[in-house]
Amino acid sequence: MRLGLLMTQAYSAWIQLDSAAGFPFPGQIIHEVITVCEEAITDLTGVDEPTFHLLNALSPEWARAYQLKLFAKWGAIHPELMKWKIGSHDMIPPNEVKELTAEELFGL
């Protein structure tokens, strides 16, 4: 669930990476991974619901409200995280996250 809700942040970070220049966002691959997870959940639980799709499990209204809270929290902790991060890349600032549809993210 978190992956689906955090995809817009992942996309926003991807397009800012110099090392990703010229490479499309791997949304289709991520979608395939989510599908494999859904199949694993079916295998583990024995519950096979053909209409279930992980990315559609949350209503857009709920997801949007959750993302607003997530962006606010990210904005609050971002300065402190930047002080302690490891690595050469900066973490994406909260105000640079672009809202995208599932079609834009996953190429569906």
Protein backbone atom coordinates (compact mmCIF):
# COMPACT_ATOMS: atom_id res chain seq x y z
CA MET A 1 0.00 0.00 0.00
CA ARG A 2 2.77 2.38 0.93
CA LEU A 3 4.51 1.79 -2.39
CA GLY A 4 1.42 2.85 -4.28
CA LEU A 5 1.04 5.96 -2.15
CA LEU A 6 4.71 6.89 -2.41
CA MET A 7 5.03 6.48 -6.16
CA THR A 8 4.65 10.20 -6.84
CA GLN A 9 7.61 10.91 -4.57
CA ALA A 10 9.64 8.19 -6.26
CA TYR A 11 8.85 9.63 -9.67
CA SER A 12 9.76 13.16 -8.58
CA ALA A 13 13.09 11.93 -7.21
CA TRP A 14 13.79 9.85 -10.34
CA ILE A 15 13.45 12.75 -12.76
CA GLN A 16 15.95 14.78 -10.73
CA LEU A 17 18.72 12.15 -10.72
CA ASP A 18 21.51 12.89 -13.16
CA SER A 19 22.18 9.16 -13.40
CA ALA A 20 18.58 8.59 -14.59
CA ALA A 21 18.80 11.12 -17.43
CA GLY A 22 17.54 9.55 -20.62
CA PHE A 23 16.02 6.55 -18.82
CA PRO A 24 12.24 6.37 -18.41
CA PHE A 25 10.76 5.94 -14.94
CA PRO A 26 10.52 2.16 -14.34
CA GLY A 27 6.80 2.30 -13.59
CA GLN A 28 5.91 -0.74 -15.67
CA ILE A 29 8.48 -2.85 -13.82
CA ILE A 30 7.17 -1.61 -10.47
CA HIS A 31 3.64 -2.49 -11.58
CA GLU A 32 4.83 -6.01 -12.42
CA VAL A 33 6.42 -6.31 -8.96
CA ILE A 34 3.14 -5.28 -7.35
CA THR A 35 1.36 -7.94 -9.42
CA VAL A 36 3.82 -10.58 -8.18
CA CYS A 37 3.13 -9.43 -4.60
CA GLU A 38 -0.60 -9.79 -5.20
CA GLU A 39 -0.06 -13.34 -6.47
CA ALA A 40 2.10 -14.15 -3.42
CA ILE A 41 -0.65 -12.88 -1.10
CA THR A 42 -3.10 -15.18 -2.91
CA ASP A 43 -0.72 -18.12 -2.56
CA LEU A 44 -0.14 -17.46 1.15
CA THR A 45 -3.76 -16.85 2.11
CA GLY A 46 -5.57 -19.09 -0.33
CA VAL A 47 -7.93 -16.22 -1.05
CA ASP A 48 -8.20 -15.65 -4.77
CA GLU A 49 -10.18 -12.56 -5.63
CA PRO A 50 -9.75 -11.87 -9.37
CA THR A 51 -11.10 -8.34 -9.08
CA PHE A 52 -8.58 -7.34 -6.38
CA HIS A 53 -5.81 -5.02 -7.46
CA LEU A 54 -3.44 -3.62 -4.86
CA LEU A 55 -3.08 -0.24 -6.53
CA ASN A 56 -6.86 0.22 -6.59
CA ALA A 57 -7.44 -0.95 -3.02
CA LEU A 58 -7.56 2.60 -1.65
CA SER A 59 -9.98 5.20 -2.83
CA PRO A 60 -8.35 8.21 -4.55
CA GLU A 61 -9.91 10.53 -1.96
CA TRP A 62 -8.38 8.60 0.94
CA ALA A 63 -5.04 8.32 -0.82
CA ARG A 64 -4.97 12.07 -1.52
CA ALA A 65 -5.73 12.90 2.13
CA TYR A 66 -3.00 10.47 3.20
CA GLN A 67 -0.51 12.01 0.79
CA LEU A 68 -1.24 15.51 2.10
CA LYS A 69 -0.42 14.31 5.62
CA LEU A 70 2.65 12.49 4.32
CA PHE A 71 3.92 15.61 2.50
CA ALA A 72 3.37 17.71 5.63
CA LYS A 73 5.31 15.24 7.77
CA TRP A 74 8.07 15.01 5.17
CA GLY A 75 8.30 18.81 5.18
CA ALA A 76 8.62 18.82 8.96
CA ILE A 77 11.37 16.19 9.20
CA HIS A 78 13.23 16.95 5.95
CA PRO A 79 15.68 19.52 7.41
CA GLU A 80 16.75 17.18 10.22
CA LEU A 81 17.06 14.19 7.89
CA MET A 82 19.28 16.23 5.56
CA LYS A 83 21.70 16.79 8.46
CA TRP A 84 22.13 13.08 9.08
CA LYS A 85 21.75 11.44 5.67
CA ILE A 86 24.43 9.25 4.18
CA GLY A 87 25.34 9.54 0.51
CA SER A 88 26.03 12.26 -2.00
CA HIS A 89 22.50 12.89 -3.30
CA ASP A 90 20.13 15.31 -1.62
CA MET A 91 16.74 14.01 -0.58
CA ILE A 92 13.89 15.45 -2.58
CA PRO A 93 12.34 18.52 -0.96
CA PRO A 94 8.62 18.10 -0.18
CA ASN A 95 7.62 21.04 -2.39
CA GLU A 96 9.08 19.33 -5.48
CA VAL A 97 6.78 16.31 -5.43
CA LYS A 98 4.52 16.25 -8.48
CA GLU A 99 1.05 14.71 -8.38
CA LEU A 100 0.63 12.03 -11.05
CA THR A 101 -2.05 9.58 -12.10
CA ALA A 102 -1.55 5.81 -12.11
CA GLU A 103 -1.49 5.98 -15.90
CA GLU A 104 1.41 8.44 -15.79
CA LEU A 105 3.29 6.45 -13.17
CA PHE A 106 2.83 2.95 -14.49
CA GLY A 107 2.31 3.54 -18.19
CA LEU A 108 -1.01 1.67 -18.15
